[in-house]
């Protein structure tokens, strides 16, 4: 979060399970921060039930990727959110 506050990135590939702050908490904090609406956020996780996907999308994720994934999947998702 500190890095984003210094200079908002264009895109964030975000994991659900992270140390210090969960991905969903990070996303909620990001979206409530000034300029936090700018980055396109692609959530990546092993959590595959609809409740997790809905929670991430409601919190402000632009897309959702299931692990494991490869370069083609990442490129496709980035294209969908108009990053590539």
PDB file of N, CA and C in Angstrom:
ATOM      1  N   UNK A   1       0.824  -1.180   0.000  1.00  0.00           N
ATOM      2  CA  UNK A   1       0.000   0.000   0.000  1.00  0.00           C
ATOM      3  C   UNK A   1       0.873   1.250   0.000  1.00  0.00           C
ATOM      4  N   UNK A   2       1.987   1.194   0.729  1.00  0.00           N
ATOM      5  CA  UNK A   2       2.891   2.344   0.773  1.00  0.00           C
ATOM      6  C   UNK A   2       3.397   2.715  -0.616  1.00  0.00           C
ATOM      7  N   UNK A   3       3.697   1.714  -1.431  1.00  0.00           N
ATOM      8  CA  UNK A   3       4.182   1.963  -2.791  1.00  0.00           C
ATOM      9  C   UNK A   3       3.092   2.651  -3.613  1.00  0.00           C
ATOM     10  N   UNK A   4       1.856   2.212  -3.478  1.00  0.00           N
ATOM     11  CA  UNK A   4       0.747   2.819  -4.220  1.00  0.00           C
ATOM     12  C   UNK A   4       0.531   4.263  -3.797  1.00  0.00           C
ATOM     13  N   UNK A   5       0.704   4.548  -2.532  1.00  0.00           N
ATOM     14  CA  UNK A   5       0.510   5.915  -2.048  1.00  0.00           C
ATOM     15  C   UNK A   5       1.572   6.865  -2.579  1.00  0.00           C
ATOM     16  N   UNK A   6       2.759   6.334  -2.877  1.00  0.00           N
ATOM     17  CA  UNK A   6       3.836   7.165  -3.424  1.00  0.00           C
ATOM     18  C   UNK A   6       3.637   7.445  -4.907  1.00  0.00           C
ATOM     19  N   UNK A   7       3.003   6.518  -5.608  1.00  0.00           N
ATOM     20  CA  UNK A   7       2.756   6.662  -7.044  1.00  0.00           C
ATOM     21  C   UNK A   7       1.868   5.533  -7.521  1.00  0.00           C
ATOM     22  N   UNK A   8       0.622   5.848  -7.832  1.00  0.00           N
ATOM     23  CA  UNK A   8      -0.355   4.835  -8.215  1.00  0.00           C
ATOM     24  C   UNK A   8       0.061   4.125  -9.496  1.00  0.00           C
ATOM     25  N   UNK A   9       0.115   2.795  -9.465  1.00  0.00           N
ATOM     26  CA  UNK A   9       0.435   2.045 -10.688  1.00  0.00           C
ATOM     27  C   UNK A   9      -0.774   2.006 -11.625  1.00  0.00           C
ATOM     28  N   UNK A  10      -0.535   1.586 -12.849  1.00  0.00           N
ATOM     29  CA  UNK A  10      -1.625   1.442 -13.821  1.00  0.00           C
ATOM     30  C   UNK A  10      -2.399   0.152 -13.603  1.00  0.00           C
ATOM     31  N   UNK A  11      -1.682  -0.878 -13.156  1.00  0.00           N
ATOM     32  CA  UNK A  11      -2.293  -2.197 -12.985  1.00  0.00           C
ATOM     33  C   UNK A  11      -1.664  -2.894 -11.779  1.00  0.00           C
ATOM     34  N   UNK A  12      -2.492  -3.692 -11.100  1.00  0.00           N
ATOM     35  CA  UNK A  12      -2.028  -4.471  -9.955  1.00  0.00           C
ATOM     36  C   UNK A  12      -2.500  -5.902 -10.131  1.00  0.00           C
ATOM     37  N   UNK A  13      -1.569  -6.843 -10.057  1.00  0.00           N
ATOM     38  CA  UNK A  13      -1.885  -8.267 -10.014  1.00  0.00           C
ATOM     39  C   UNK A  13      -1.857  -8.627  -8.536  1.00  0.00           C
ATOM     40  N   UNK A  14      -3.008  -8.938  -7.971  1.00  0.00           N
ATOM     41  CA  UNK A  14      -3.175  -9.027  -6.528  1.00  0.00           C
ATOM     42  C   UNK A  14      -3.551 -10.434  -6.090  1.00  0.00           C
ATOM     43  N   UNK A  15      -2.807 -10.956  -5.116  1.00  0.00           N
ATOM     44  CA  UNK A  15      -3.092 -12.275  -4.549  1.00  0.00           C
ATOM     45  C   UNK A  15      -4.032 -12.121  -3.364  1.00  0.00           C
ATOM     46  N   UNK A  16      -4.906 -13.081  -3.163  1.00  0.00           N
ATOM     47  CA  UNK A  16      -5.831 -13.055  -2.041  1.00  0.00           C
ATOM     48  C   UNK A  16      -5.074 -13.210  -0.724  1.00  0.00           C
ATOM     49  N   UNK A  17      -4.141 -14.167  -0.689  1.00  0.00           N
ATOM     50  CA  UNK A  17      -3.415 -14.479   0.533  1.00  0.00           C
ATOM     51  C   UNK A  17      -2.048 -13.808   0.526  1.00  0.00           C
ATOM     52  N   UNK A  18      -1.898 -12.798   1.375  1.00  0.00           N
ATOM     53  CA  UNK A  18      -0.634 -12.066   1.474  1.00  0.00           C
ATOM     54  C   UNK A  18      -0.318 -11.866   2.948  1.00  0.00           C
ATOM     55  N   UNK A  19       0.965 -11.646   3.260  1.00  0.00           N
ATOM     56  CA  UNK A  19       1.307 -11.330   4.651  1.00  0.00           C
ATOM     57  C   UNK A  19       0.879  -9.892   4.977  1.00  0.00           C
ATOM     58  N   UNK A  20       0.739  -9.596   6.212  1.00  0.00           N
ATOM     59  CA  UNK A  20       0.398  -8.279   6.751  1.00  0.00           C
ATOM     60  C   UNK A  20      -1.068  -7.922   6.494  1.00  0.00           C
ATOM     61  N   UNK A  21      -1.488  -7.916   5.244  1.00  0.00           N
ATOM     62  CA  UNK A  21      -2.850  -7.528   4.882  1.00  0.00           C
ATOM     63  C   UNK A  21      -3.338  -8.479   3.795  1.00  0.00           C
ATOM     64  N   UNK A  22      -4.562  -8.977   3.924  1.00  0.00           N
ATOM     65  CA  UNK A  22      -5.092  -9.858   2.880  1.00  0.00           C
ATOM     66  C   UNK A  22      -5.319  -9.057   1.602  1.00  0.00           C
ATOM     67  N   UNK A  23      -5.385  -9.743   0.499  1.00  0.00           N
ATOM     68  CA  UNK A  23      -5.626  -9.076  -0.776  1.00  0.00           C
ATOM     69  C   UNK A  23      -6.938  -8.323  -0.792  1.00  0.00           C
ATOM     70  N   UNK A  24      -7.970  -8.899  -0.190  1.00  0.00           N
ATOM     71  CA  UNK A  24      -9.277  -8.238  -0.187  1.00  0.00           C
ATOM     72  C   UNK A  24      -9.230  -6.971   0.678  1.00  0.00           C
ATOM     73  N   UNK A  25      -8.516  -7.023   1.804  1.00  0.00           N
ATOM     74  CA  UNK A  25      -8.359  -5.823   2.636  1.00  0.00           C
ATOM     75  C   UNK A  25      -7.558  -4.758   1.900  1.00  0.00           C
ATOM     76  N   UNK A  26      -6.495  -5.191   1.200  1.00  0.00           N
ATOM     77  CA  UNK A  26      -5.701  -4.260   0.407  1.00  0.00           C
ATOM     78  C   UNK A  26      -6.581  -3.576  -0.641  1.00  0.00           C
ATOM     79  N   UNK A  27      -7.388  -4.363  -1.342  1.00  0.00           N
ATOM     80  CA  UNK A  27      -8.231  -3.820  -2.401  1.00  0.00           C
ATOM     81  C   UNK A  27      -9.241  -2.810  -1.843  1.00  0.00           C
ATOM     82  N   UNK A  28      -9.856  -3.128  -0.736  1.00  0.00           N
ATOM     83  CA  UNK A  28     -10.813  -2.196  -0.129  1.00  0.00           C
ATOM     84  C   UNK A  28     -10.121  -0.901   0.296  1.00  0.00           C
ATOM     85  N   UNK A  29      -8.933  -1.036   0.869  1.00  0.00           N
ATOM     86  CA  UNK A  29      -8.177   0.153   1.281  1.00  0.00           C
ATOM     87  C   UNK A  29      -7.766   0.960   0.063  1.00  0.00           C
ATOM     88  N   UNK A  30      -7.278   0.275  -0.969  1.00  0.00           N
ATOM     89  CA  UNK A  30      -6.863   0.943  -2.200  1.00  0.00           C
ATOM     90  C   UNK A  30      -8.011   1.744  -2.796  1.00  0.00           C
ATOM     91  N   UNK A  31      -9.153   1.116  -2.955  1.00  0.00           N
ATOM     92  CA  UNK A  31     -10.292   1.759  -3.613  1.00  0.00           C
ATOM     93  C   UNK A  31     -10.845   2.938  -2.805  1.00  0.00           C
ATOM     94  N   UNK A  32     -10.591   2.960  -1.499  1.00  0.00           N
ATOM     95  CA  UNK A  32     -11.075   4.075  -0.683  1.00  0.00           C
ATOM     96  C   UNK A  32     -10.034   5.188  -0.551  1.00  0.00           C
ATOM     97  N   UNK A  33      -8.868   4.997  -1.162  1.00  0.00           N
ATOM     98  CA  UNK A  33      -7.785   5.973  -1.109  1.00  0.00           C
ATOM     99  C   UNK A  33      -7.883   6.910  -2.308  1.00  0.00           C
ATOM    100  N   UNK A  34      -7.500   8.159  -2.126  1.00  0.00           N
ATOM    101  CA  UNK A  34      -7.488   9.105  -3.244  1.00  0.00           C
ATOM    102  C   UNK A  34      -6.615   8.558  -4.366  1.00  0.00           C
ATOM    103  N   UNK A  35      -7.158   8.471  -5.559  1.00  0.00           N
ATOM    104  CA  UNK A  35      -6.454   7.922  -6.712  1.00  0.00           C
ATOM    105  C   UNK A  35      -6.518   6.409  -6.786  1.00  0.00           C
ATOM    106  N   UNK A  36      -7.121   5.780  -5.779  1.00  0.00           N
ATOM    107  CA  UNK A  36      -7.205   4.323  -5.739  1.00  0.00           C
ATOM    108  C   UNK A  36      -8.166   3.720  -6.737  1.00  0.00           C
ATOM    109  N   UNK A  37      -8.898   4.563  -7.434  1.00  0.00           N
ATOM    110  CA  UNK A  37      -9.798   4.083  -8.480  1.00  0.00           C
ATOM    111  C   UNK A  37      -9.075   3.936  -9.815  1.00  0.00           C
ATOM    112  N   UNK A  38      -7.837   4.424  -9.874  1.00  0.00           N
ATOM    113  CA  UNK A  38      -7.083   4.425 -11.139  1.00  0.00           C
ATOM    114  C   UNK A  38      -6.574   3.044 -11.549  1.00  0.00           C
ATOM    115  N   UNK A  39      -5.874   2.313 -10.666  1.00  0.00           N
ATOM    116  CA  UNK A  39      -5.293   1.049 -11.127  1.00  0.00           C
ATOM    117  C   UNK A  39      -6.345   0.019 -11.519  1.00  0.00           C
ATOM    118  N   UNK A  40      -6.058  -0.709 -12.580  1.00  0.00           N
ATOM    119  CA  UNK A  40      -6.842  -1.894 -12.917  1.00  0.00           C
ATOM    120  C   UNK A  40      -6.312  -2.996 -12.006  1.00  0.00           C
ATOM    121  N   UNK A  41      -7.207  -3.691 -11.317  1.00  0.00           N
ATOM    122  CA  UNK A  41      -6.804  -4.735 -10.376  1.00  0.00           C
ATOM    123  C   UNK A  41      -7.305  -6.083 -10.874  1.00  0.00           C
ATOM    124  N   UNK A  42      -6.348  -7.001 -11.068  1.00  0.00           N
ATOM    125  CA  UNK A  42      -6.661  -8.372 -11.441  1.00  0.00           C
ATOM    126  C   UNK A  42      -6.313  -9.239 -10.240  1.00  0.00           C
ATOM    127  N   UNK A  43      -7.327  -9.846  -9.641  1.00  0.00           N
ATOM    128  CA  UNK A  43      -7.152 -10.710  -8.480  1.00  0.00           C
ATOM    129  C   UNK A  43      -6.715 -12.084  -8.953  1.00  0.00           C
ATOM    130  N   UNK A  44      -5.730 -12.661  -8.314  1.00  0.00           N
ATOM    131  CA  UNK A  44      -5.341 -14.038  -8.623  1.00  0.00           C
ATOM    132  C   UNK A  44      -5.350 -14.839  -7.325  1.00  0.00           C
ATOM    133  N   UNK A  45      -5.972 -15.998  -7.360  1.00  0.00           N
ATOM    134  CA  UNK A  45      -6.119 -16.790  -6.145  1.00  0.00           C
ATOM    135  C   UNK A  45      -6.517 -18.220  -6.442  1.00  0.00           C
ATOM    136  N   UNK A  46      -6.384 -19.060  -5.423  1.00  0.00           N
ATOM    137  CA  UNK A  46      -6.865 -20.434  -5.518  1.00  0.00           C
ATOM    138  C   UNK A  46      -8.320 -20.527  -5.083  1.00  0.00           C
ATOM    139  N   UNK A  47      -8.834 -19.447  -4.502  1.00  0.00           N
ATOM    140  CA  UNK A  47     -10.231 -19.416  -4.044  1.00  0.00           C
ATOM    141  C   UNK A  47     -11.144 -19.385  -5.263  1.00  0.00           C
ATOM    142  N   UNK A  48     -11.921 -20.457  -5.451  1.00  0.00           N
ATOM    143  CA  UNK A  48     -12.692 -20.543  -6.689  1.00  0.00           C
ATOM    144  C   UNK A  48     -14.206 -20.590  -6.494  1.00  0.00           C
ATOM    145  N   UNK A  49     -14.671 -20.375  -5.276  1.00  0.00           N
ATOM    146  CA  UNK A  49     -16.120 -20.394  -5.107  1.00  0.00           C
ATOM    147  C   UNK A  49     -16.697 -19.020  -5.456  1.00  0.00           C
ATOM    148  N   UNK A  50     -17.949 -19.017  -5.834  1.00  0.00           N
ATOM    149  CA  UNK A  50     -18.599 -17.787  -6.298  1.00  0.00           C
ATOM    150  C   UNK A  50     -18.629 -16.696  -5.228  1.00  0.00           C
ATOM    151  N   UNK A  51     -18.684 -17.076  -3.958  1.00  0.00           N
ATOM    152  CA  UNK A  51     -18.717 -16.072  -2.888  1.00  0.00           C
ATOM    153  C   UNK A  51     -17.430 -15.255  -2.881  1.00  0.00           C
ATOM    154  N   UNK A  52     -16.275 -15.920  -3.057  1.00  0.00           N
ATOM    155  CA  UNK A  52     -14.994 -15.208  -3.096  1.00  0.00           C
ATOM    156  C   UNK A  52     -14.905 -14.318  -4.341  1.00  0.00           C
ATOM    157  N   UNK A  53     -15.311 -14.841  -5.463  1.00  0.00           N
ATOM    158  CA  UNK A  53     -15.257 -14.070  -6.706  1.00  0.00           C
ATOM    159  C   UNK A  53     -16.160 -12.844  -6.594  1.00  0.00           C
ATOM    160  N   UNK A  54     -17.358 -13.026  -6.101  1.00  0.00           N
ATOM    161  CA  UNK A  54     -18.306 -11.919  -5.939  1.00  0.00           C
ATOM    162  C   UNK A  54     -17.751 -10.885  -4.951  1.00  0.00           C
ATOM    163  N   UNK A  55     -17.143 -11.355  -3.857  1.00  0.00           N
ATOM    164  CA  UNK A  55     -16.568 -10.440  -2.872  1.00  0.00           C
ATOM    165  C   UNK A  55     -15.465  -9.589  -3.492  1.00  0.00           C
ATOM    166  N   UNK A  56     -14.597 -10.220  -4.276  1.00  0.00           N
ATOM    167  CA  UNK A  56     -13.502  -9.480  -4.923  1.00  0.00           C
ATOM    168  C   UNK A  56     -14.038  -8.465  -5.926  1.00  0.00           C
ATOM    169  N   UNK A  57     -15.006  -8.856  -6.721  1.00  0.00           N
ATOM    170  CA  UNK A  57     -15.552  -7.952  -7.725  1.00  0.00           C
ATOM    171  C   UNK A  57     -16.317  -6.800  -7.058  1.00  0.00           C
ATOM    172  N   UNK A  58     -17.028  -7.084  -6.002  1.00  0.00           N
ATOM    173  CA  UNK A  58     -17.752  -6.047  -5.266  1.00  0.00           C
ATOM    174  C   UNK A  58     -16.787  -5.070  -4.604  1.00  0.00           C
ATOM    175  N   UNK A  59     -15.638  -5.577  -4.148  1.00  0.00           N
ATOM    176  CA  UNK A  59     -14.635  -4.726  -3.497  1.00  0.00           C
ATOM    177  C   UNK A  59     -13.889  -3.852  -4.496  1.00  0.00           C
ATOM    178  N   UNK A  60     -14.025  -4.156  -5.794  1.00  0.00           N
ATOM    179  CA  UNK A  60     -13.407  -3.292  -6.789  1.00  0.00           C
ATOM    180  C   UNK A  60     -12.426  -3.946  -7.735  1.00  0.00           C
ATOM    181  N   UNK A  61     -12.320  -5.269  -7.704  1.00  0.00           N
ATOM    182  CA  UNK A  61     -11.455  -5.954  -8.677  1.00  0.00           C
ATOM    183  C   UNK A  61     -12.042  -5.778 -10.077  1.00  0.00           C
ATOM    184  N   UNK A  62     -11.160  -5.627 -11.048  1.00  0.00           N
ATOM    185  CA  UNK A  62     -11.617  -5.512 -12.435  1.00  0.00           C
ATOM    186  C   UNK A  62     -11.738  -6.870 -13.104  1.00  0.00           C
ATOM    187  N   UNK A  63     -10.934  -7.827 -12.651  1.00  0.00           N
ATOM    188  CA  UNK A  63     -10.963  -9.186 -13.194  1.00  0.00           C
ATOM    189  C   UNK A  63     -10.466 -10.142 -12.126  1.00  0.00           C
ATOM    190  N   UNK A  64     -10.599 -11.446 -12.411  1.00  0.00           N
ATOM    191  CA  UNK A  64     -10.293 -12.493 -11.453  1.00  0.00           C
ATOM    192  C   UNK A  64      -9.635 -13.643 -12.196  1.00  0.00           C
ATOM    193  N   UNK A  65      -8.490 -14.108 -11.721  1.00  0.00           N
ATOM    194  CA  UNK A  65      -7.774 -15.225 -12.336  1.00  0.00           C
ATOM    195  C   UNK A  65      -7.627 -16.340 -11.307  1.00  0.00           C
ATOM    196  N   UNK A  66      -7.900 -17.554 -11.746  1.00  0.00           N
ATOM    197  CA  UNK A  66      -7.725 -18.725 -10.881  1.00  0.00           C
ATOM    198  C   UNK A  66      -6.314 -19.292 -11.041  1.00  0.00           C
ATOM    199  N   UNK A  67      -5.694 -19.664  -9.927  1.00  0.00           N
ATOM    200  CA  UNK A  67      -4.402 -20.351  -9.963  1.00  0.00           C
ATOM    201  C   UNK A  67      -4.661 -21.824 -10.240  1.00  0.00           C
ATOM    202  N   UNK A  68      -3.799 -22.499 -10.944  1.00  0.00           N
ATOM    203  CA  UNK A  68      -2.608 -21.968 -11.608  1.00  0.00           C
ATOM    204  C   UNK A  68      -2.994 -21.266 -12.915  1.00  0.00           C
ATOM    205  N   UNK A  69      -2.168 -20.323 -13.327  1.00  0.00           N
ATOM    206  CA  UNK A  69      -2.406 -19.618 -14.581  1.00  0.00           C
ATOM    207  C   UNK A  69      -1.080 -19.481 -15.311  1.00  0.00           C
ATOM    208  N   UNK A  70      -1.168 -19.122 -16.590  1.00  0.00           N
ATOM    209  CA  UNK A  70       0.044 -18.958 -17.386  1.00  0.00           C
ATOM    210  C   UNK A  70       0.031 -17.579 -18.048  1.00  0.00           C
ATOM    211  N   UNK A  71       1.038 -17.319 -18.819  1.00  0.00           N
ATOM    212  CA  UNK A  71       1.189 -16.017 -19.468  1.00  0.00           C
ATOM    213  C   UNK A  71      -0.010 -15.672 -20.358  1.00  0.00           C
ATOM    214  N   UNK A  72      -0.513 -16.658 -21.091  1.00  0.00           N
ATOM    215  CA  UNK A  72      -1.641 -16.407 -21.993  1.00  0.00           C
ATOM    216  C   UNK A  72      -2.878 -15.955 -21.221  1.00  0.00           C
ATOM    217  N   UNK A  73      -3.116 -16.554 -20.076  1.00  0.00           N
ATOM    218  CA  UNK A  73      -4.275 -16.176 -19.262  1.00  0.00           C
ATOM    219  C   UNK A  73      -4.102 -14.753 -18.736  1.00  0.00           C
ATOM    220  N   UNK A  74      -2.906 -14.431 -18.242  1.00  0.00           N
ATOM    221  CA  UNK A  74      -2.654 -13.077 -17.740  1.00  0.00           C
ATOM    222  C   UNK A  74      -2.823 -12.063 -18.867  1.00  0.00           C
ATOM    223  N   UNK A  75      -2.266 -12.353 -20.028  1.00  0.00           N
ATOM    224  CA  UNK A  75      -2.401 -11.425 -21.157  1.00  0.00           C
ATOM    225  C   UNK A  75      -3.864 -11.237 -21.539  1.00  0.00           C
ATOM    226  N   UNK A  76      -4.632 -12.312 -21.540  1.00  0.00           N
ATOM    227  CA  UNK A  76      -6.062 -12.230 -21.879  1.00  0.00           C
ATOM    228  C   UNK A  76      -6.811 -11.362 -20.869  1.00  0.00           C
ATOM    229  N   UNK A  77      -6.538 -11.537 -19.594  1.00  0.00           N
ATOM    230  CA  UNK A  77      -7.218 -10.744 -18.558  1.00  0.00           C
ATOM    231  C   UNK A  77      -6.803  -9.281 -18.647  1.00  0.00           C
ATOM    232  N   UNK A  78      -5.503  -9.014 -18.858  1.00  0.00           N
ATOM    233  CA  UNK A  78      -5.039  -7.639 -18.988  1.00  0.00           C
ATOM    234  C   UNK A  78      -5.677  -6.993 -20.216  1.00  0.00           C
ATOM    235  N   UNK A  79      -5.845  -7.747 -21.269  1.00  0.00           N
ATOM    236  CA  UNK A  79      -6.499  -7.228 -22.462  1.00  0.00           C
ATOM    237  C   UNK A  79      -7.961  -6.887 -22.166  1.00  0.00           C
ATOM    238  N   UNK A  80      -8.628  -7.732 -21.397  1.00  0.00           N
ATOM    239  CA  UNK A  80     -10.027  -7.501 -21.044  1.00  0.00           C
ATOM    240  C   UNK A  80     -10.201  -6.221 -20.243  1.00  0.00           C
ATOM    241  N   UNK A  81      -9.223  -5.893 -19.401  1.00  0.00           N
ATOM    242  CA  UNK A  81      -9.330  -4.676 -18.592  1.00  0.00           C
ATOM    243  C   UNK A  81      -8.610  -3.512 -19.264  1.00  0.00           C
ATOM    244  N   UNK A  82      -8.259  -3.713 -20.529  1.00  0.00           N
ATOM    245  CA  UNK A  82      -7.666  -2.676 -21.395  1.00  0.00           C
ATOM    246  C   UNK A  82      -6.335  -2.155 -20.882  1.00  0.00           C
ATOM    247  N   UNK A  83      -5.477  -3.097 -20.427  1.00  0.00           N
ATOM    248  CA  UNK A  83      -4.119  -2.743 -20.012  1.00  0.00           C
ATOM    249  C   UNK A  83      -3.153  -2.985 -21.157  1.00  0.00           C
ATOM    250  N   UNK A  84      -3.415  -3.996 -21.954  1.00  0.00           N
ATOM    251  CA  UNK A  84      -2.523  -4.304 -23.097  1.00  0.00           C
ATOM    252  C   UNK A  84      -3.089  -3.742 -24.374  1.00  0.00           C
TER     253      UNK A  84
END
